[in-house]
């Protein structure tokens, strides 16, 4: 089958019985013009190896293949969609690999040669854990353009001292430049979700903190925002030696997590790592 002979996305859904499943967090983007617009937000894909997660019937996949990407690897858990995507692979010989797998268990950096980008309309139910996993390995990617529920996108891009600012804001902005790129209404999807969606662009920062410092930042932000109404000297007690940690980072213990900048969290994470991740004598 050639690309010109491909059925429409709605015909593909009907032929393969691809009714969206709530259990898989599926909301398909079937408007081909919107799919092309989302693909364009990823920037220049010439010579890039692109990872897509949750392609469903392949609307965004088609847009990526119609562009200049060297190769697209689509990771899909739904066997019905895998069958539908086989037609797309046939229409673009050698440019599409379809992997039937749970993306949470896929090492994207090992799977794709460099230079790599990730472009995806993420399944709502696993979007946040997928993002955190990719942030751990952000140095391996040139960039990411990812679609989330708008509320999640707002949390990713939130500034300190706002209601949306939290653990995900710090982790994302610490590792990447985060740009809120596009909002999409519920009616753009089939079936329409109850909320708006949004695309966020991620540009990895030059310095790679490495796995140990990233783990320290995860522990720190989990403690700090786990009890965000408390002052830091209280919320960080779970880490042991909270007062010493705050003093080492030059941060007042009477402050609350949402008032700290990403740079201040970075100082605390480095101080936490410097003492081995815990206070001397703290229980392991």
Protein backbone atom coordinates (compact mmCIF):
# COMPACT_ATOMS: atom_id res chain seq x y z
CA UNK A 1 0.00 0.00 0.00
CA UNK A 2 1.26 3.46 -0.90
CA UNK A 3 0.86 6.55 1.27
CA UNK A 4 -1.60 7.97 -1.26
CA UNK A 5 -3.79 4.85 -0.97
CA UNK A 6 -4.05 4.91 2.80
CA UNK A 7 -7.61 5.04 4.18
CA UNK A 8 -8.67 8.07 6.18
CA UNK A 9 -8.06 7.99 9.91
CA UNK A 10 -11.76 7.51 10.61
CA UNK A 11 -11.87 4.62 8.11
CA UNK A 12 -8.84 3.11 9.84
CA UNK A 13 -10.59 3.32 13.21
CA UNK A 14 -13.69 1.63 11.78
CA UNK A 15 -11.80 -1.11 9.90
CA UNK A 16 -9.76 -2.15 12.91
CA UNK A 17 -12.43 -1.73 15.59
CA UNK A 18 -10.36 0.96 17.23
CA UNK A 19 -12.90 2.37 19.63
CA UNK A 20 -10.95 4.36 22.22
CA UNK A 21 -10.50 2.55 25.53
CA UNK A 22 -10.67 4.52 28.76
CA UNK A 23 -8.45 1.93 30.48
CA UNK A 24 -5.64 2.90 28.08
CA UNK A 25 -6.24 6.65 28.40
CA UNK A 26 -7.01 6.87 24.68
CA UNK A 27 -8.31 10.03 23.02
CA UNK A 28 -7.48 9.97 19.32
CA UNK A 29 -6.51 13.07 17.33
CA UNK A 30 -8.12 12.43 13.93
CA UNK A 31 -7.92 15.90 12.38
CA UNK A 32 -5.00 15.58 9.96
CA UNK A 33 -4.36 19.33 9.86
CA UNK A 34 -4.03 19.40 13.66
CA UNK A 35 -1.76 16.36 13.53
CA UNK A 36 0.51 18.21 11.11
CA UNK A 37 0.46 21.25 13.36
CA UNK A 38 1.51 19.20 16.40
CA UNK A 39 4.29 17.50 14.42
CA UNK A 40 5.58 20.91 13.30
CA UNK A 41 5.92 22.01 16.94
CA UNK A 42 8.75 19.48 17.30
CA UNK A 43 10.91 21.67 15.05
CA UNK A 44 13.23 20.42 12.32
CA UNK A 45 13.11 16.62 12.19
CA UNK A 46 15.54 16.24 9.29
CA UNK A 47 17.76 13.25 9.97
CA UNK A 48 16.19 12.74 13.42
CA UNK A 49 15.02 9.46 14.89
CA UNK A 50 11.64 10.11 16.46
CA UNK A 51 9.92 8.19 19.24
CA UNK A 52 6.14 8.32 19.38
CA UNK A 53 4.15 6.76 22.23
CA UNK A 54 0.50 5.80 21.99
CA UNK A 55 0.02 6.43 18.25
CA UNK A 56 -3.43 4.81 18.15
CA UNK A 57 -4.70 4.87 14.56
CA UNK A 58 -1.61 6.82 13.49
CA UNK A 59 -2.72 10.40 12.86
CA UNK A 60 0.39 12.00 14.34
CA UNK A 61 2.49 9.14 12.95
CA UNK A 62 1.36 10.01 9.42
CA UNK A 63 2.27 13.66 9.96
CA UNK A 64 5.74 12.70 11.21
CA UNK A 65 6.31 10.37 8.25
CA UNK A 66 5.12 13.02 5.81
CA UNK A 67 7.89 15.23 7.16
CA UNK A 68 11.64 14.83 7.11
CA UNK A 69 12.19 12.45 10.03
CA UNK A 70 14.79 9.80 9.22
CA UNK A 71 12.81 7.16 11.11
CA UNK A 72 9.83 6.94 13.44
CA UNK A 73 9.54 4.31 16.18
CA UNK A 74 5.99 4.01 17.46
CA UNK A 75 5.42 2.26 20.80
CA UNK A 76 1.86 0.99 21.16
CA UNK A 77 0.29 -1.22 23.81
CA UNK A 78 -3.05 -1.73 22.04
CA UNK A 79 -2.82 -4.71 19.67
CA UNK A 80 -5.68 -3.34 17.54
CA UNK A 81 -3.68 -0.21 16.82
CA UNK A 82 -0.55 -2.23 16.06
CA UNK A 83 -2.46 -3.94 13.26
CA UNK A 84 -3.66 -0.59 11.90
CA UNK A 85 -0.15 0.83 11.98
CA UNK A 86 1.16 -2.09 9.89
CA UNK A 87 -0.54 -0.50 6.86
CA UNK A 88 1.31 2.73 7.58
CA UNK A 89 4.64 0.88 7.83
CA UNK A 90 3.95 -0.72 4.45
CA UNK A 91 3.25 2.70 2.92
CA UNK A 92 6.57 4.09 4.23
CA UNK A 93 9.11 1.29 3.68
CA UNK A 94 12.00 1.35 6.12
CA UNK A 95 10.87 4.52 7.93
CA UNK A 96 8.46 3.19 10.58
CA UNK A 97 9.03 0.61 13.29
CA UNK A 98 6.02 -0.39 15.36
CA UNK A 99 6.83 -1.85 18.77
CA UNK A 100 4.04 -3.55 20.70
CA UNK A 101 5.07 -2.75 24.26
CA UNK A 102 4.33 -0.77 27.40
CA UNK A 103 6.26 2.48 26.95
CA UNK A 104 6.97 2.63 30.69
CA UNK A 105 9.31 -0.33 30.20
CA UNK A 106 11.03 0.96 27.06
CA UNK A 107 14.52 2.50 27.18
CA UNK A 108 14.09 5.11 24.46
CA UNK A 109 17.76 6.12 24.42
CA UNK A 110 18.83 2.51 23.86
CA UNK A 111 16.11 1.90 21.28
CA UNK A 112 16.82 4.83 18.95
CA UNK A 113 20.12 6.01 17.49
CA UNK A 114 21.03 9.68 17.91
CA UNK A 115 19.95 12.35 17.16
CA UNK A 116 16.65 11.58 18.93
CA UNK A 117 13.41 13.45 19.56
CA UNK A 118 10.16 12.42 21.22
CA UNK A 119 6.86 13.59 19.76
CA UNK A 120 3.66 12.18 21.23
CA UNK A 121 0.03 12.65 22.16
CA UNK A 122 0.51 10.85 25.46
CA UNK A 123 -2.06 8.50 26.99
CA UNK A 124 -3.44 10.51 29.91
CA UNK A 125 -3.09 7.73 32.47
CA UNK A 126 0.69 7.32 32.10
CA UNK A 127 1.77 10.76 30.87
CA UNK A 128 3.42 11.94 34.09
CA UNK A 129 5.49 8.79 34.84
CA UNK A 130 6.58 8.69 31.20
CA UNK A 131 7.72 12.31 31.39
CA UNK A 132 9.66 11.80 34.62
CA UNK A 133 11.42 8.80 33.08
CA UNK A 134 12.42 10.83 30.04
CA UNK A 135 13.58 13.72 32.21
CA UNK A 136 16.00 11.32 33.92
CA UNK A 137 17.52 10.65 30.49
CA UNK A 138 16.95 14.14 29.03
CA UNK A 139 20.58 14.47 27.91
CA UNK A 140 19.97 11.69 25.38
CA UNK A 141 17.35 13.70 23.48
CA UNK A 142 17.52 16.80 21.32
CA UNK A 143 14.04 17.75 22.41
CA UNK A 144 10.48 16.64 23.07
CA UNK A 145 7.04 17.89 22.02
CA UNK A 146 4.44 16.20 24.22
CA UNK A 147 0.70 16.54 24.61
CA UNK A 148 -0.87 16.38 28.08
CA UNK A 149 -4.09 17.31 29.78
CA UNK A 150 -3.91 21.10 30.02
CA UNK A 151 -3.79 20.96 33.82
CA UNK A 152 -0.63 18.82 33.66
CA UNK A 153 0.91 21.12 31.03
CA UNK A 154 0.25 24.11 33.28
CA UNK A 155 1.91 22.35 36.22
CA UNK A 156 4.97 21.59 34.09
CA UNK A 157 5.38 25.24 33.06
CA UNK A 158 4.25 26.89 36.33
CA UNK A 159 6.26 29.62 38.03
CA UNK A 160 7.12 29.62 41.76
CA UNK A 161 4.50 31.04 44.13
CA UNK A 162 1.58 29.89 41.96
CA UNK A 163 -1.00 27.22 42.75
CA UNK A 164 0.14 25.00 39.86
CA UNK A 165 3.82 25.05 40.89
CA UNK A 166 4.92 21.74 42.34
CA UNK A 167 7.19 18.75 42.08
CA UNK A 168 6.62 18.24 38.35
CA UNK A 169 7.37 21.92 37.67
CA UNK A 170 10.72 21.68 39.43
CA UNK A 171 11.82 18.38 37.85
CA UNK A 172 10.83 19.49 34.34
CA UNK A 173 12.28 23.01 34.50
CA UNK A 174 15.45 21.81 36.22
CA UNK A 175 16.23 19.48 33.32
CA UNK A 176 14.67 21.35 30.39
CA UNK A 177 13.49 24.66 29.03
CA UNK A 178 9.72 24.19 29.02
CA UNK A 179 7.46 26.06 26.62
CA UNK A 180 3.65 25.97 26.56
CA UNK A 181 3.08 25.71 22.78
CA UNK A 182 -0.53 24.92 21.92
CA UNK A 183 -3.95 24.39 23.51
CA UNK A 184 -6.50 22.01 21.99
CA UNK A 185 -10.20 21.85 22.90
CA UNK A 186 -11.94 18.58 23.83
CA UNK A 187 -13.72 18.54 20.47
CA UNK A 188 -10.39 18.03 18.66
CA UNK A 189 -10.33 14.45 19.93
CA UNK A 190 -12.37 11.30 19.50
CA UNK A 191 -13.87 10.68 21.95
CA UNK A 192 -13.72 14.21 23.41
CA UNK A 193 -12.11 14.23 26.86
CA UNK A 194 -13.67 16.29 29.64
CA UNK A 195 -10.72 18.68 29.69
CA UNK A 196 -8.60 20.75 27.32
CA UNK A 197 -5.22 19.43 26.20
CA UNK A 198 -1.94 21.21 25.56
CA UNK A 199 1.42 20.62 23.92
CA UNK A 200 4.62 21.43 25.83
CA UNK A 201 8.03 21.72 24.21
CA UNK A 202 11.10 20.53 26.13
CA UNK A 203 14.67 21.56 25.35
CA UNK A 204 17.23 19.69 27.51
CA UNK A 205 19.62 21.92 29.45
CA UNK A 206 23.33 21.59 28.76
CA UNK A 207 24.32 20.27 32.18
CA UNK A 208 23.40 16.65 32.84
CA UNK A 209 23.05 16.18 36.62
CA UNK A 210 23.52 12.41 36.37
CA UNK A 211 21.42 9.71 38.01
CA UNK A 212 22.57 10.28 41.62
CA UNK A 213 21.74 13.98 41.68
CA UNK A 214 18.47 13.37 39.84
CA UNK A 215 17.51 10.79 42.48
CA UNK A 216 18.36 13.29 45.21
CA UNK A 217 16.15 15.89 43.54
CA UNK A 218 13.29 13.38 43.31
CA UNK A 219 13.54 12.60 47.03
CA UNK A 220 13.81 16.28 47.92
CA UNK A 221 10.83 17.44 45.87
CA UNK A 222 8.70 14.49 47.01
CA UNK A 223 9.30 15.48 50.64
CA UNK A 224 8.97 19.23 50.10
CA UNK A 225 5.72 19.11 48.15
CA UNK A 226 4.31 16.07 49.93
CA UNK A 227 3.32 18.41 52.75
CA UNK A 228 3.33 21.71 50.90
CA UNK A 229 1.37 23.59 53.58
CA UNK A 230 4.17 22.98 56.06
CA UNK A 231 7.29 25.07 56.43
CA UNK A 232 10.33 23.40 54.91
CA UNK A 233 11.85 22.64 58.31
CA UNK A 234 8.79 20.45 58.90
CA UNK A 235 8.18 18.97 55.45
CA UNK A 236 11.83 17.95 55.04
CA UNK A 237 12.03 16.08 58.37
CA UNK A 238 11.48 12.81 56.50
CA UNK A 239 14.91 13.29 54.91
CA UNK A 240 16.59 13.62 58.31
CA UNK A 241 18.68 16.61 59.39
CA UNK A 242 16.34 19.14 57.80
CA UNK A 243 17.81 22.16 59.59
CA UNK A 244 21.37 21.27 58.55
CA UNK A 245 20.27 20.68 54.96
CA UNK A 246 18.52 24.04 54.76
CA UNK A 247 21.48 25.81 56.33
CA UNK A 248 23.87 24.18 53.84
CA UNK A 249 21.73 25.47 50.97
CA UNK A 250 21.26 28.93 52.53
CA UNK A 251 17.47 28.63 52.71
CA UNK A 252 15.24 29.74 55.57
CA UNK A 253 13.38 26.86 57.20
CA UNK A 254 10.25 29.00 57.59
CA UNK A 255 9.71 29.09 53.82
CA UNK A 256 7.34 26.74 52.00
CA UNK A 257 8.14 24.60 48.99
CA UNK A 258 6.11 26.59 46.48
CA UNK A 259 8.18 29.75 47.17
CA UNK A 260 11.50 28.18 46.16
CA UNK A 261 12.98 28.71 42.72
CA UNK A 262 14.34 25.82 40.70
CA UNK A 263 17.86 27.13 41.41
CA UNK A 264 17.20 26.94 45.17
CA UNK A 265 15.95 23.37 44.82
CA UNK A 266 19.13 22.62 42.88
CA UNK A 267 21.26 23.91 45.78
CA UNK A 268 19.35 21.75 48.26
CA UNK A 269 19.54 18.65 46.06
CA UNK A 270 23.31 19.06 45.76
CA UNK A 271 23.59 19.50 49.53
CA UNK A 272 21.47 16.35 50.03
CA UNK A 273 23.67 14.38 47.65
CA UNK A 274 26.85 15.72 49.28
CA UNK A 275 25.90 14.10 52.58
CA UNK A 276 25.05 10.82 50.88
CA UNK A 277 21.34 11.49 50.52
CA UNK A 278 20.54 11.36 54.24
CA UNK A 279 21.56 12.69 57.62
CA UNK A 280 24.35 10.92 59.49
CA UNK A 281 22.85 8.19 61.64
CA UNK A 282 19.45 8.30 59.89
CA UNK A 283 17.75 4.97 59.47
CA UNK A 284 18.09 3.41 56.06
